[in-house]
Structure formats: structure tokens, C-alpha cells
Amino acid sequence: MHTNKLINRARRSVLKSIGLLGGLVAARQVQAHHTETHLDDTTAHRIVYQCNKADPEYLQSVLFSVGELLRKYGDDVEIVEFPYADDWYNNPAMLDPMENPSELWLKRDHKHDLAFRPLENALLGGTVDAIYTQSKVFQHLQEATGKIKMIVDLAKLPDWTLQVANTPAVITCTDVMAKEHPELVVAYMKAMVKVGRWANRNKRAAGEILNRQTFYLDAEDTYEGIKHVDMVPSLSAQNLACINIGKDFMVSHGYIKNDFDVNEWAAPEFLEQAATEVLKEEWERKSWSKLPKGGGLEVEGTRLG
């Protein structure tokens, strides 16, 4: 299980966690025909969970919501590991030079490339009865085929703690970087704050940009998915509570051997300094730049008006 890696990760400093992404939660889907089938009936079900990589650090977090489904709807469910081939790795077109890793998404029709959604073929072919997927994000693409429907959506349940499935997104760095190069951490967080503030002010434009790399149905669907999400990094009480829930799950199931205090693990000083510097720069640009010699927040004895 690569225990050392898991323990090392627990020592890293949390820089920020984005708010709960309302659509990025687990859901169960079945083939789209009228049926009275529900998870809480007496029928045995086979559920496949798509994992992008066989990495315990990744699996430990996404399995949380599978457990919530089992606890809520009974235990007559078999979890199936379903490996699939990444055939596109051998595609010669993927060897073309790229200036930026994000170009990978621009080279492929990722919204309709089933290499990103391999479990749909297993579902439609009858290999499995249902698949566990992300509501709203993958959901609308899958339902647009006219062949798949949702029967359980954790996002619609009132208990927000059920939605801790690899969320909230967390930015971490090694303790070495935090101690020896804090200026790099702050610089990165300043960029995150600036981008987040811009996205909050321009949600439709942000939706157009994010649509190029997300699995929402289209740009409008992307906008609907992010319009109520605060894109600025935040170590809010709810975000920290979500991280603690996920941590407790991993500890109780043996994914992490050493327990730790999430509040002590978090490092708000980097985000606080970054936010302060962003606001200071904005103040100087919008206000003090009007003075003949400019100025800053620390200027004393300057008379305005």
C-alpha cells in the first residue's frame, strides 16, 4: 500500500481547499429504460467504480462515497474492479510535441472519448449493472446518449458530509518547500487568489475556459456547475471539516497509519500573506497610483482631498 508515501503526504502543509463543488459528488447510474429498480430493493447489484489510476493515495479518498452508498442502501452490493486499456497511449498523434501539458486535452475530443469514460461500455454491454460516477460533470454527458440514467444522486441528499469523495480539492507542498522556499508558496497562492477572484467576477467567461478541460456537457453546463462555487482558495470551517472526515475514513480503514490533527496540518499563513499582497497591489494600483509620486499602504502623512 506504499505506506511511507501515505505517511509522508500526511506531513505536508495544506495550503488551501476549494469549496465543495456541488456537482462533483458520487452518483449511481443504470441503463435508461423505465424500471422500478432502486438501490434499496432486495435485488443484488454489481457496481463498478472507475478509478483513473491504481494508486492507493488516490483510491483511499474516492472510496469514501462507495461506503456511503453501501451504508445507506444496504450491503447486497458487489464492488468490481474493472481494468481497462488506455489504447490512446499508443496513438502516434500523442507523440507530437506539446508546449504545455494542458495541450493533451486540446488534442482530443475528451467529452466524447470513451477512454475517459470506459465504464459506459461495460454498463451498456451488460457486464455490470450500474456504475459509480460524478453527478453533473459526467452525468449530463452520459444522459445525453439517451441510454443511461441516474437512480441515486448523493448531491441531492441533505447531508453534505456524504459528498466527501476526493473533495474538497487541496493544494499541498512538502514541508521542505514550506520552510526553505516560502516565497514560492506565496507566489503560487497569489496566482490562485487572482485567478479565483477573476473567475468569481466573470463566471460565464470562466465557464467557457474551463469547458475546454472539464466533463460538463458544454460551456453553459460548466457555468451552471460553477456559478455558485467560490473559486478563491479558502480554509473555511466546512472545508477543514470535510478534510477531517476524509482523513478519519482513511485512518479507520488503514490507508493512513499515523493519525494527525487537520487544523495543525493546515498552514493558513501562506494564503493569508498571498491575499494580503494581492489586496495591497490592487490598492496601490487603483488608489495611490493617482498621486504624483504614487504610494503604498504604509505611506504616512499623505493628505487626500
C-alpha atoms as a PDB file:
ATOM      1  CA  MET A   1       0.000   0.000   0.000  1.00  0.00           C
ATOM      2  CA  HIS A   2       3.031   2.310  -0.162  1.00  0.00           C
ATOM      3  CA  THR A   3       2.590   3.208   3.494  1.00  0.00           C
ATOM      4  CA  ASN A   4       5.587   5.530   3.581  1.00  0.00           C
ATOM      5  CA  LYS A   5       4.154   7.646   0.794  1.00  0.00           C
ATOM      6  CA  LEU A   6       0.860   7.897   2.637  1.00  0.00           C
ATOM      7  CA  ILE A   7       2.540   8.967   5.853  1.00  0.00           C
ATOM      8  CA  ASN A   8       4.710  11.479   4.020  1.00  0.00           C
ATOM      9  CA  ARG A   9       1.674  13.029   2.426  1.00  0.00           C
ATOM     10  CA  ALA A  10       0.107  13.434   5.853  1.00  0.00           C
ATOM     11  CA  ARG A  11       3.079  15.589   6.821  1.00  0.00           C
ATOM     12  CA  ARG A  12       2.610  18.068   4.009  1.00  0.00           C
ATOM     13  CA  SER A  13       1.200  21.505   4.619  1.00  0.00           C
ATOM     14  CA  VAL A  14      -2.319  22.202   3.416  1.00  0.00           C
ATOM     15  CA  LEU A  15      -2.332  25.461   1.541  1.00  0.00           C
ATOM     16  CA  LYS A  16      -5.947  25.708   0.580  1.00  0.00           C
ATOM     17  CA  SER A  17      -9.068  23.780  -0.198  1.00  0.00           C
ATOM     18  CA  ILE A  18     -11.616  24.886  -2.741  1.00  0.00           C
ATOM     19  CA  GLY A  19     -15.239  24.933  -1.610  1.00  0.00           C
ATOM     20  CA  LEU A  20     -17.468  21.933  -2.033  1.00  0.00           C
ATOM     21  CA  LEU A  21     -18.094  21.536  -5.724  1.00  0.00           C
ATOM     22  CA  GLY A  22     -21.795  20.878  -5.752  1.00  0.00           C
ATOM     23  CA  GLY A  23     -21.674  18.705  -8.848  1.00  0.00           C
ATOM     24  CA  LEU A  24     -18.523  16.795  -8.063  1.00  0.00           C
ATOM     25  CA  VAL A  25     -20.098  14.085  -5.992  1.00  0.00           C
ATOM     26  CA  ALA A  26     -20.854  10.444  -6.450  1.00  0.00           C
ATOM     27  CA  ALA A  27     -23.859   9.101  -8.238  1.00  0.00           C
ATOM     28  CA  ARG A  28     -25.046   5.723  -9.418  1.00  0.00           C
ATOM     29  CA  GLN A  29     -26.273   5.249 -12.977  1.00  0.00           C
ATOM     30  CA  VAL A  30     -28.075   2.476 -14.811  1.00  0.00           C
ATOM     31  CA  GLN A  31     -29.212   1.894 -18.377  1.00  0.00           C
ATOM     32  CA  ALA A  32     -32.019   4.241 -19.367  1.00  0.00           C
ATOM     33  CA  HIS A  33     -35.262   2.309 -19.534  1.00  0.00           C
ATOM     34  CA  HIS A  34     -38.284   2.596 -17.281  1.00  0.00           C
ATOM     35  CA  THR A  35     -37.748   0.438 -14.223  1.00  0.00           C
ATOM     36  CA  GLU A  36     -38.699   0.364 -10.594  1.00  0.00           C
ATOM     37  CA  THR A  37     -35.197  -0.744  -9.634  1.00  0.00           C
ATOM     38  CA  HIS A  38     -33.702   1.117  -6.702  1.00  0.00           C
ATOM     39  CA  LEU A  39     -30.660   0.520  -4.560  1.00  0.00           C
ATOM     40  CA  ASP A  40     -32.810  -0.116  -1.516  1.00  0.00           C
ATOM     41  CA  ASP A  41     -34.731  -3.048  -3.029  1.00  0.00           C
ATOM     42  CA  THR A  42     -33.841  -6.701  -2.488  1.00  0.00           C
ATOM     43  CA  THR A  43     -32.039  -7.141  -5.800  1.00  0.00           C
ATOM     44  CA  ALA A  44     -28.316  -7.840  -5.739  1.00  0.00           C
ATOM     45  CA  HIS A  45     -26.302  -5.232  -7.619  1.00  0.00           C
ATOM     46  CA  ARG A  46     -22.857  -5.140  -9.168  1.00  0.00           C
ATOM     47  CA  ILE A  47     -21.307  -1.666  -9.053  1.00  0.00           C
ATOM     48  CA  VAL A  48     -18.133  -0.681 -10.850  1.00  0.00           C
ATOM     49  CA  TYR A  49     -16.134   2.305  -9.659  1.00  0.00           C
ATOM     50  CA  GLN A  50     -13.918   3.993 -12.257  1.00  0.00           C
ATOM     51  CA  CYS A  51     -10.503   4.885 -10.885  1.00  0.00           C
ATOM     52  CA  ASN A  52      -8.067   6.749 -13.092  1.00  0.00           C
ATOM     53  CA  LYS A  53      -5.038   5.022 -11.618  1.00  0.00           C
ATOM     54  CA  ALA A  54      -4.178   2.087  -9.366  1.00  0.00           C
ATOM     55  CA  ASP A  55      -2.650   4.328  -6.724  1.00  0.00           C
ATOM     56  CA  PRO A  56      -3.602   3.804  -3.068  1.00  0.00           C
ATOM     57  CA  GLU A  57      -3.293   7.521  -2.321  1.00  0.00           C
ATOM     58  CA  TYR A  58      -5.947   8.167  -4.958  1.00  0.00           C
ATOM     59  CA  LEU A  59      -8.179   5.202  -4.179  1.00  0.00           C
ATOM     60  CA  GLN A  60      -8.293   5.880  -0.445  1.00  0.00           C
ATOM     61  CA  SER A  61     -10.243   9.101  -0.945  1.00  0.00           C
ATOM     62  CA  VAL A  62     -12.657   8.181  -3.729  1.00  0.00           C
ATOM     63  CA  LEU A  63     -13.844   5.009  -1.975  1.00  0.00           C
ATOM     64  CA  PHE A  64     -15.443   7.100   0.764  1.00  0.00           C
ATOM     65  CA  SER A  65     -18.682   7.636  -1.149  1.00  0.00           C
ATOM     66  CA  VAL A  66     -18.879   3.984  -2.167  1.00  0.00           C
ATOM     67  CA  GLY A  67     -19.026   3.215   1.533  1.00  0.00           C
ATOM     68  CA  GLU A  68     -21.750   5.813   1.994  1.00  0.00           C
ATOM     69  CA  LEU A  69     -23.849   4.162  -0.714  1.00  0.00           C
ATOM     70  CA  LEU A  70     -23.471   0.785   0.963  1.00  0.00           C
ATOM     71  CA  ARG A  71     -24.345   2.173   4.390  1.00  0.00           C
ATOM     72  CA  LYS A  72     -27.424   3.963   3.098  1.00  0.00           C
ATOM     73  CA  TYR A  73     -28.790   1.405   0.657  1.00  0.00           C
ATOM     74  CA  GLY A  74     -27.774  -1.951   2.069  1.00  0.00           C
ATOM     75  CA  ASP A  75     -24.866  -4.292   1.685  1.00  0.00           C
ATOM     76  CA  ASP A  76     -26.061  -6.654  -1.069  1.00  0.00           C
ATOM     77  CA  VAL A  77     -23.687  -4.945  -3.476  1.00  0.00           C
ATOM     78  CA  GLU A  78     -20.563  -6.374  -5.039  1.00  0.00           C
ATOM     79  CA  ILE A  79     -17.738  -3.933  -5.802  1.00  0.00           C
ATOM     80  CA  VAL A  80     -15.995  -4.950  -9.034  1.00  0.00           C
ATOM     81  CA  GLU A  81     -12.515  -3.910 -10.094  1.00  0.00           C
ATOM     82  CA  PHE A  82     -12.698  -3.438 -13.836  1.00  0.00           C
ATOM     83  CA  PRO A  83      -9.332  -2.718 -15.505  1.00  0.00           C
ATOM     84  CA  TYR A  84      -9.380  -1.152 -18.928  1.00  0.00           C
ATOM     85  CA  ALA A  85      -6.800  -0.497 -21.613  1.00  0.00           C
ATOM     86  CA  ASP A  86      -5.560   3.021 -22.285  1.00  0.00           C
ATOM     87  CA  ASP A  87      -5.238   2.374 -26.008  1.00  0.00           C
ATOM     88  CA  TRP A  88      -4.613   6.021 -26.774  1.00  0.00           C
ATOM     89  CA  TYR A  89      -1.163   5.773 -25.187  1.00  0.00           C
ATOM     90  CA  ASN A  90      -0.043   4.009 -28.364  1.00  0.00           C
ATOM     91  CA  ASN A  91      -1.601   6.581 -30.664  1.00  0.00           C
ATOM     92  CA  PRO A  92       1.214   8.189 -32.745  1.00  0.00           C
ATOM     93  CA  ALA A  93      -0.610  11.516 -32.570  1.00  0.00           C
ATOM     94  CA  MET A  94       0.091  11.592 -28.851  1.00  0.00           C
ATOM     95  CA  LEU A  95       3.825  11.775 -29.626  1.00  0.00           C
ATOM     96  CA  ASP A  96       3.502  15.190 -31.241  1.00  0.00           C
ATOM     97  CA  PRO A  97       5.453  17.881 -29.348  1.00  0.00           C
ATOM     98  CA  MET A  98       3.487  19.795 -26.724  1.00  0.00           C
ATOM     99  CA  GLU A  99       4.446  23.176 -25.301  1.00  0.00           C
ATOM    100  CA  ASN A 100       2.216  22.682 -22.289  1.00  0.00           C
ATOM    101  CA  PRO A 101       0.773  19.511 -20.702  1.00  0.00           C
ATOM    102  CA  SER A 102      -2.717  21.000 -20.957  1.00  0.00           C
ATOM    103  CA  GLU A 103      -2.466  20.604 -24.739  1.00  0.00           C
ATOM    104  CA  LEU A 104      -3.252  16.936 -24.164  1.00  0.00           C
ATOM    105  CA  TRP A 105      -6.883  17.934 -23.667  1.00  0.00           C
ATOM    106  CA  LEU A 106      -6.908  20.095 -26.772  1.00  0.00           C
ATOM    107  CA  LYS A 107      -5.701  17.224 -28.946  1.00  0.00           C
ATOM    108  CA  ARG A 108      -8.639  15.004 -28.089  1.00  0.00           C
ATOM    109  CA  ASP A 109     -12.405  15.255 -28.015  1.00  0.00           C
ATOM    110  CA  HIS A 110     -12.308  14.455 -24.322  1.00  0.00           C
ATOM    111  CA  LYS A 111     -16.040  14.935 -23.796  1.00  0.00           C
ATOM    112  CA  HIS A 112     -16.853  12.115 -26.206  1.00  0.00           C
ATOM    113  CA  ASP A 113     -13.732   9.981 -25.976  1.00  0.00           C
ATOM    114  CA  LEU A 114     -14.728   6.844 -24.075  1.00  0.00           C
ATOM    115  CA  ALA A 115     -11.143   6.399 -22.929  1.00  0.00           C
ATOM    116  CA  PHE A 116     -12.177   8.944 -20.299  1.00  0.00           C
ATOM    117  CA  ARG A 117     -15.473   7.104 -19.631  1.00  0.00           C
ATOM    118  CA  PRO A 118     -14.606   3.417 -20.211  1.00  0.00           C
ATOM    119  CA  LEU A 119     -17.222   2.028 -17.846  1.00  0.00           C
ATOM    120  CA  GLU A 120     -20.098   3.058 -20.088  1.00  0.00           C
ATOM    121  CA  ASN A 121     -19.355   0.220 -22.490  1.00  0.00           C
ATOM    122  CA  ALA A 122     -19.320  -2.220 -19.574  1.00  0.00           C
ATOM    123  CA  LEU A 123     -22.699  -0.894 -18.430  1.00  0.00           C
ATOM    124  CA  LEU A 124     -24.330  -0.866 -21.854  1.00  0.00           C
ATOM    125  CA  GLY A 125     -22.885  -4.292 -22.683  1.00  0.00           C
ATOM    126  CA  GLY A 126     -24.368  -5.813 -19.544  1.00  0.00           C
ATOM    127  CA  THR A 127     -21.042  -6.604 -17.884  1.00  0.00           C
ATOM    128  CA  VAL A 128     -22.141  -4.583 -14.868  1.00  0.00           C
ATOM    129  CA  ASP A 129     -25.500  -3.396 -13.585  1.00  0.00           C
ATOM    130  CA  ALA A 130     -24.504   0.099 -12.563  1.00  0.00           C
ATOM    131  CA  ILE A 131     -21.527   2.427 -12.491  1.00  0.00           C
ATOM    132  CA  TYR A 132     -20.411   4.948  -9.906  1.00  0.00           C
ATOM    133  CA  THR A 133     -19.708   8.306 -11.485  1.00  0.00           C
ATOM    134  CA  GLN A 134     -19.661  12.051 -10.863  1.00  0.00           C
ATOM    135  CA  SER A 135     -23.029  13.753 -10.897  1.00  0.00           C
ATOM    136  CA  LYS A 136     -23.471  16.789 -13.144  1.00  0.00           C
ATOM    137  CA  VAL A 137     -19.940  16.533 -14.538  1.00  0.00           C
ATOM    138  CA  PHE A 138     -20.044  13.136 -16.238  1.00  0.00           C
ATOM    139  CA  GLN A 139     -23.752  12.677 -15.619  1.00  0.00           C
ATOM    140  CA  HIS A 140     -25.070  15.062 -18.255  1.00  0.00           C
ATOM    141  CA  LEU A 141     -22.714  13.728 -20.928  1.00  0.00           C
ATOM    142  CA  GLN A 142     -23.822  10.187 -20.141  1.00  0.00           C
ATOM    143  CA  GLU A 143     -27.518  11.018 -20.033  1.00  0.00           C
ATOM    144  CA  ALA A 144     -27.211  12.858 -23.355  1.00  0.00           C
ATOM    145  CA  THR A 145     -26.585   9.476 -25.005  1.00  0.00           C
ATOM    146  CA  GLY A 146     -30.193   8.562 -24.226  1.00  0.00           C
ATOM    147  CA  LYS A 147     -29.000   5.219 -22.895  1.00  0.00           C
ATOM    148  CA  ILE A 148     -28.082   5.924 -19.273  1.00  0.00           C
ATOM    149  CA  LYS A 149     -29.999   7.359 -16.342  1.00  0.00           C
ATOM    150  CA  MET A 150     -29.322   8.334 -12.745  1.00  0.00           C
ATOM    151  CA  ILE A 151     -31.064   6.492  -9.922  1.00  0.00           C
ATOM    152  CA  VAL A 152     -29.146   7.736  -6.871  1.00  0.00           C
ATOM    153  CA  ASP A 153     -27.508  11.140  -6.538  1.00  0.00           C
ATOM    154  CA  LEU A 154     -25.677  11.902  -3.296  1.00  0.00           C
ATOM    155  CA  ALA A 155     -25.612  15.599  -4.252  1.00  0.00           C
ATOM    156  CA  LYS A 156     -29.360  15.792  -3.686  1.00  0.00           C
ATOM    157  CA  LEU A 157     -29.255  14.407  -0.167  1.00  0.00           C
ATOM    158  CA  PRO A 158     -29.360  16.980   2.652  1.00  0.00           C
ATOM    159  CA  ASP A 159     -26.310  15.548   4.421  1.00  0.00           C
ATOM    160  CA  TRP A 160     -23.322  17.339   2.859  1.00  0.00           C
ATOM    161  CA  THR A 161     -20.871  15.074   4.675  1.00  0.00           C
ATOM    162  CA  LEU A 162     -21.804  12.261   2.272  1.00  0.00           C
ATOM    163  CA  GLN A 163     -20.178  14.183  -0.566  1.00  0.00           C
ATOM    164  CA  VAL A 164     -16.597  13.929   0.662  1.00  0.00           C
ATOM    165  CA  ALA A 165     -15.310  11.953  -2.340  1.00  0.00           C
ATOM    166  CA  ASN A 166     -11.900  13.311  -3.257  1.00  0.00           C
ATOM    167  CA  THR A 167     -13.220  16.782  -2.381  1.00  0.00           C
ATOM    168  CA  PRO A 168     -12.628  19.491  -1.450  1.00  0.00           C
ATOM    169  CA  ALA A 169      -9.611  19.901  -3.711  1.00  0.00           C
ATOM    170  CA  VAL A 170      -6.486  20.503  -1.651  1.00  0.00           C
ATOM    171  CA  ILE A 171      -3.177  22.080  -2.587  1.00  0.00           C
ATOM    172  CA  THR A 172      -0.201  20.708  -0.673  1.00  0.00           C
ATOM    173  CA  CYS A 173       3.533  21.130  -0.689  1.00  0.00           C
ATOM    174  CA  THR A 174       6.364  19.404   1.119  1.00  0.00           C
ATOM    175  CA  ASP A 175       7.422  20.721   4.499  1.00  0.00           C
ATOM    176  CA  VAL A 176      10.869  21.337   2.988  1.00  0.00           C
ATOM    177  CA  MET A 177       9.431  23.715   0.426  1.00  0.00           C
ATOM    178  CA  ALA A 178       7.291  25.461   3.022  1.00  0.00           C
ATOM    179  CA  LYS A 179      10.272  26.021   5.328  1.00  0.00           C
ATOM    180  CA  GLU A 180      13.041  26.756   2.831  1.00  0.00           C
ATOM    181  CA  HIS A 181      11.149  28.485  -0.005  1.00  0.00           C
ATOM    182  CA  PRO A 182       8.025  30.111   1.451  1.00  0.00           C
ATOM    183  CA  GLU A 183       8.249  32.872  -1.168  1.00  0.00           C
ATOM    184  CA  LEU A 184       7.476  30.296  -3.879  1.00  0.00           C
ATOM    185  CA  VAL A 185       4.476  29.024  -1.959  1.00  0.00           C
ATOM    186  CA  VAL A 186       3.153  32.556  -1.509  1.00  0.00           C
ATOM    187  CA  ALA A 187       3.745  33.376  -5.187  1.00  0.00           C
ATOM    188  CA  TYR A 188       1.736  30.317  -6.229  1.00  0.00           C
ATOM    189  CA  MET A 189      -1.088  31.143  -3.850  1.00  0.00           C
ATOM    190  CA  LYS A 190      -1.167  34.757  -5.082  1.00  0.00           C
ATOM    191  CA  ALA A 191      -1.780  33.428  -8.585  1.00  0.00           C
ATOM    192  CA  MET A 192      -4.554  31.185  -7.269  1.00  0.00           C
ATOM    193  CA  VAL A 193      -6.203  34.092  -5.460  1.00  0.00           C
ATOM    194  CA  LYS A 194      -6.015  36.336  -8.531  1.00  0.00           C
ATOM    195  CA  VAL A 195      -7.409  33.693 -10.843  1.00  0.00           C
ATOM    196  CA  GLY A 196     -10.145  32.818  -8.369  1.00  0.00           C
ATOM    197  CA  ARG A 197     -11.231  36.435  -7.964  1.00  0.00           C
ATOM    198  CA  TRP A 198     -11.321  36.920 -11.716  1.00  0.00           C
ATOM    199  CA  ALA A 199     -13.356  33.740 -12.158  1.00  0.00           C
ATOM    200  CA  ASN A 200     -15.834  34.854  -9.486  1.00  0.00           C
ATOM    201  CA  ARG A 201     -16.356  38.153 -11.321  1.00  0.00           C
ATOM    202  CA  ASN A 202     -16.575  36.519 -14.734  1.00  0.00           C
ATOM    203  CA  LYS A 203     -18.330  33.194 -14.209  1.00  0.00           C
ATOM    204  CA  ARG A 204     -19.532  32.839 -17.802  1.00  0.00           C
ATOM    205  CA  ALA A 205     -16.091  33.560 -19.219  1.00  0.00           C
ATOM    206  CA  ALA A 206     -14.612  31.129 -16.701  1.00  0.00           C
ATOM    207  CA  GLY A 207     -17.154  28.558 -17.835  1.00  0.00           C
ATOM    208  CA  GLU A 208     -16.034  28.972 -21.441  1.00  0.00           C
ATOM    209  CA  ILE A 209     -12.388  28.428 -20.456  1.00  0.00           C
ATOM    210  CA  LEU A 210     -12.994  25.523 -18.076  1.00  0.00           C
ATOM    211  CA  ASN A 211     -15.255  23.851 -20.615  1.00  0.00           C
ATOM    212  CA  ARG A 212     -12.142  23.021 -22.638  1.00  0.00           C
ATOM    213  CA  GLN A 213     -10.934  20.673 -19.916  1.00  0.00           C
ATOM    214  CA  THR A 214     -13.991  19.614 -17.923  1.00  0.00           C
ATOM    215  CA  PHE A 215     -16.567  16.881 -18.419  1.00  0.00           C
ATOM    216  CA  TYR A 216     -19.612  19.081 -18.213  1.00  0.00           C
ATOM    217  CA  LEU A 217     -21.914  18.821 -21.213  1.00  0.00           C
ATOM    218  CA  ASP A 218     -20.936  22.192 -22.689  1.00  0.00           C
ATOM    219  CA  ALA A 219     -19.920  25.721 -21.711  1.00  0.00           C
ATOM    220  CA  GLU A 220     -23.386  26.575 -20.409  1.00  0.00           C
ATOM    221  CA  ASP A 221     -23.457  23.403 -18.339  1.00  0.00           C
ATOM    222  CA  THR A 222     -19.995  24.258 -16.989  1.00  0.00           C
ATOM    223  CA  TYR A 223     -21.240  27.700 -15.990  1.00  0.00           C
ATOM    224  CA  GLU A 224     -24.236  26.155 -14.207  1.00  0.00           C
ATOM    225  CA  GLY A 225     -21.851  23.872 -12.355  1.00  0.00           C
ATOM    226  CA  ILE A 226     -19.532  26.632 -11.098  1.00  0.00           C
ATOM    227  CA  LYS A 227     -21.804  29.648 -10.735  1.00  0.00           C
ATOM    228  CA  HIS A 228     -22.355  29.086  -7.001  1.00  0.00           C
ATOM    229  CA  VAL A 229     -18.799  27.954  -6.295  1.00  0.00           C
ATOM    230  CA  ASP A 230     -16.333  30.372  -4.707  1.00  0.00           C
ATOM    231  CA  MET A 231     -13.235  29.944  -6.862  1.00  0.00           C
ATOM    232  CA  VAL A 232     -10.948  31.713  -4.391  1.00  0.00           C
ATOM    233  CA  PRO A 233      -8.933  29.367  -2.138  1.00  0.00           C
ATOM    234  CA  SER A 234     -10.418  29.044   1.313  1.00  0.00           C
ATOM    235  CA  LEU A 235      -9.565  27.216   4.514  1.00  0.00           C
ATOM    236  CA  SER A 236     -13.126  27.577   5.721  1.00  0.00           C
ATOM    237  CA  ALA A 237     -14.510  25.648   8.670  1.00  0.00           C
ATOM    238  CA  GLN A 238     -16.583  23.460   6.359  1.00  0.00           C
ATOM    239  CA  ASN A 239     -13.643  22.701   4.068  1.00  0.00           C
ATOM    240  CA  LEU A 240     -11.493  21.682   7.021  1.00  0.00           C
ATOM    241  CA  ALA A 241     -14.344  19.571   8.373  1.00  0.00           C
ATOM    242  CA  CYS A 242     -14.576  17.765   5.024  1.00  0.00           C
ATOM    243  CA  ILE A 243     -10.850  17.100   5.030  1.00  0.00           C
ATOM    244  CA  ASN A 244     -11.126  15.755   8.569  1.00  0.00           C
ATOM    245  CA  ILE A 245     -13.953  13.418   7.549  1.00  0.00           C
ATOM    246  CA  GLY A 246     -11.870  12.054   4.694  1.00  0.00           C
ATOM    247  CA  LYS A 247      -8.820  11.727   6.940  1.00  0.00           C
ATOM    248  CA  ASP A 248     -10.758   9.856   9.617  1.00  0.00           C
ATOM    249  CA  PHE A 249     -12.099   7.487   6.955  1.00  0.00           C
ATOM    250  CA  MET A 250      -8.581   6.756   5.700  1.00  0.00           C
ATOM    251  CA  VAL A 251      -7.206   6.227   9.199  1.00  0.00           C
ATOM    252  CA  SER A 252     -10.064   3.952  10.270  1.00  0.00           C
ATOM    253  CA  HIS A 253      -9.616   1.774   7.187  1.00  0.00           C
ATOM    254  CA  GLY A 254      -5.854   1.543   7.425  1.00  0.00           C
ATOM    255  CA  TYR A 255      -4.969   3.704   4.417  1.00  0.00           C
ATOM    256  CA  ILE A 256      -3.092   6.050   6.766  1.00  0.00           C
ATOM    257  CA  LYS A 257      -1.238   4.509   9.699  1.00  0.00           C
ATOM    258  CA  ASN A 258      -0.491   7.690  11.642  1.00  0.00           C
ATOM    259  CA  ASP A 259      -3.339   9.940  12.684  1.00  0.00           C
ATOM    260  CA  PHE A 260      -2.858  13.720  12.715  1.00  0.00           C
ATOM    261  CA  ASP A 261      -4.683  16.933  13.543  1.00  0.00           C
ATOM    262  CA  VAL A 262      -6.047  18.558  10.373  1.00  0.00           C
ATOM    263  CA  ASN A 263      -6.118  22.025  11.945  1.00  0.00           C
ATOM    264  CA  GLU A 264      -2.445  21.750  12.858  1.00  0.00           C
ATOM    265  CA  TRP A 265      -1.627  20.327   9.427  1.00  0.00           C
ATOM    266  CA  ALA A 266      -3.228  23.295   7.688  1.00  0.00           C
ATOM    267  CA  ALA A 267      -0.953  26.259   7.007  1.00  0.00           C
ATOM    268  CA  PRO A 268      -3.167  29.351   6.638  1.00  0.00           C
ATOM    269  CA  GLU A 269      -0.235  31.773   6.843  1.00  0.00           C
ATOM    270  CA  PHE A 270       0.647  31.274   3.172  1.00  0.00           C
ATOM    271  CA  LEU A 271      -2.862  32.017   1.948  1.00  0.00           C
ATOM    272  CA  GLU A 272      -3.177  34.958   4.337  1.00  0.00           C
ATOM    273  CA  GLN A 273       0.072  36.501   3.122  1.00  0.00           C
ATOM    274  CA  ALA A 274      -0.853  35.903  -0.502  1.00  0.00           C
ATOM    275  CA  ALA A 275      -4.277  37.519  -0.060  1.00  0.00           C
ATOM    276  CA  THR A 276      -2.739  40.485   1.749  1.00  0.00           C
ATOM    277  CA  GLU A 277      -0.219  41.069  -1.024  1.00  0.00           C
ATOM    278  CA  VAL A 278      -2.905  40.800  -3.709  1.00  0.00           C
ATOM    279  CA  LEU A 279      -5.087  43.390  -1.949  1.00  0.00           C
ATOM    280  CA  LYS A 280      -2.107  45.642  -1.335  1.00  0.00           C
ATOM    281  CA  GLU A 281      -1.146  45.568  -5.015  1.00  0.00           C
ATOM    282  CA  GLU A 282      -4.714  46.299  -6.019  1.00  0.00           C
ATOM    283  CA  TRP A 283      -4.946  49.219  -3.579  1.00  0.00           C
ATOM    284  CA  GLU A 284      -1.732  50.750  -4.851  1.00  0.00           C
ATOM    285  CA  ARG A 285      -2.774  50.312  -8.454  1.00  0.00           C
ATOM    286  CA  LYS A 286      -6.286  51.742  -8.080  1.00  0.00           C
ATOM    287  CA  SER A 287      -5.822  54.396  -5.408  1.00  0.00           C
ATOM    288  CA  TRP A 288      -2.276  55.555  -4.787  1.00  0.00           C
ATOM    289  CA  SER A 289      -1.337  55.499  -8.449  1.00  0.00           C
ATOM    290  CA  LYS A 290      -3.383  58.687  -8.815  1.00  0.00           C
ATOM    291  CA  LEU A 291      -0.876  60.599  -6.708  1.00  0.00           C
ATOM    292  CA  PRO A 292       2.064  62.338  -8.432  1.00  0.00           C
ATOM    293  CA  LYS A 293       4.636  60.125  -6.711  1.00  0.00           C
ATOM    294  CA  GLY A 294       2.494  57.094  -6.068  1.00  0.00           C
ATOM    295  CA  GLY A 295       2.454  55.424  -2.691  1.00  0.00           C
ATOM    296  CA  GLY A 296       1.601  52.355  -0.690  1.00  0.00           C
ATOM    297  CA  LEU A 297      -0.485  51.276   2.262  1.00  0.00           C
ATOM    298  CA  GLU A 298       2.340  52.179   4.638  1.00  0.00           C
ATOM    299  CA  VAL A 299       2.532  55.826   3.472  1.00  0.00           C
ATOM    300  CA  GLU A 300       2.141  58.238   6.387  1.00  0.00           C
ATOM    301  CA  GLY A 301       1.163  61.886   6.434  1.00  0.00           C
ATOM    302  CA  THR A 302      -0.322  61.969   2.956  1.00  0.00           C
ATOM    303  CA  ARG A 303      -3.337  64.252   2.722  1.00  0.00           C
ATOM    304  CA  LEU A 304      -6.156  63.133   0.458  1.00  0.00           C
ATOM    305  CA  GLY A 305      -8.615  65.763  -0.766  1.00  0.00           C
END
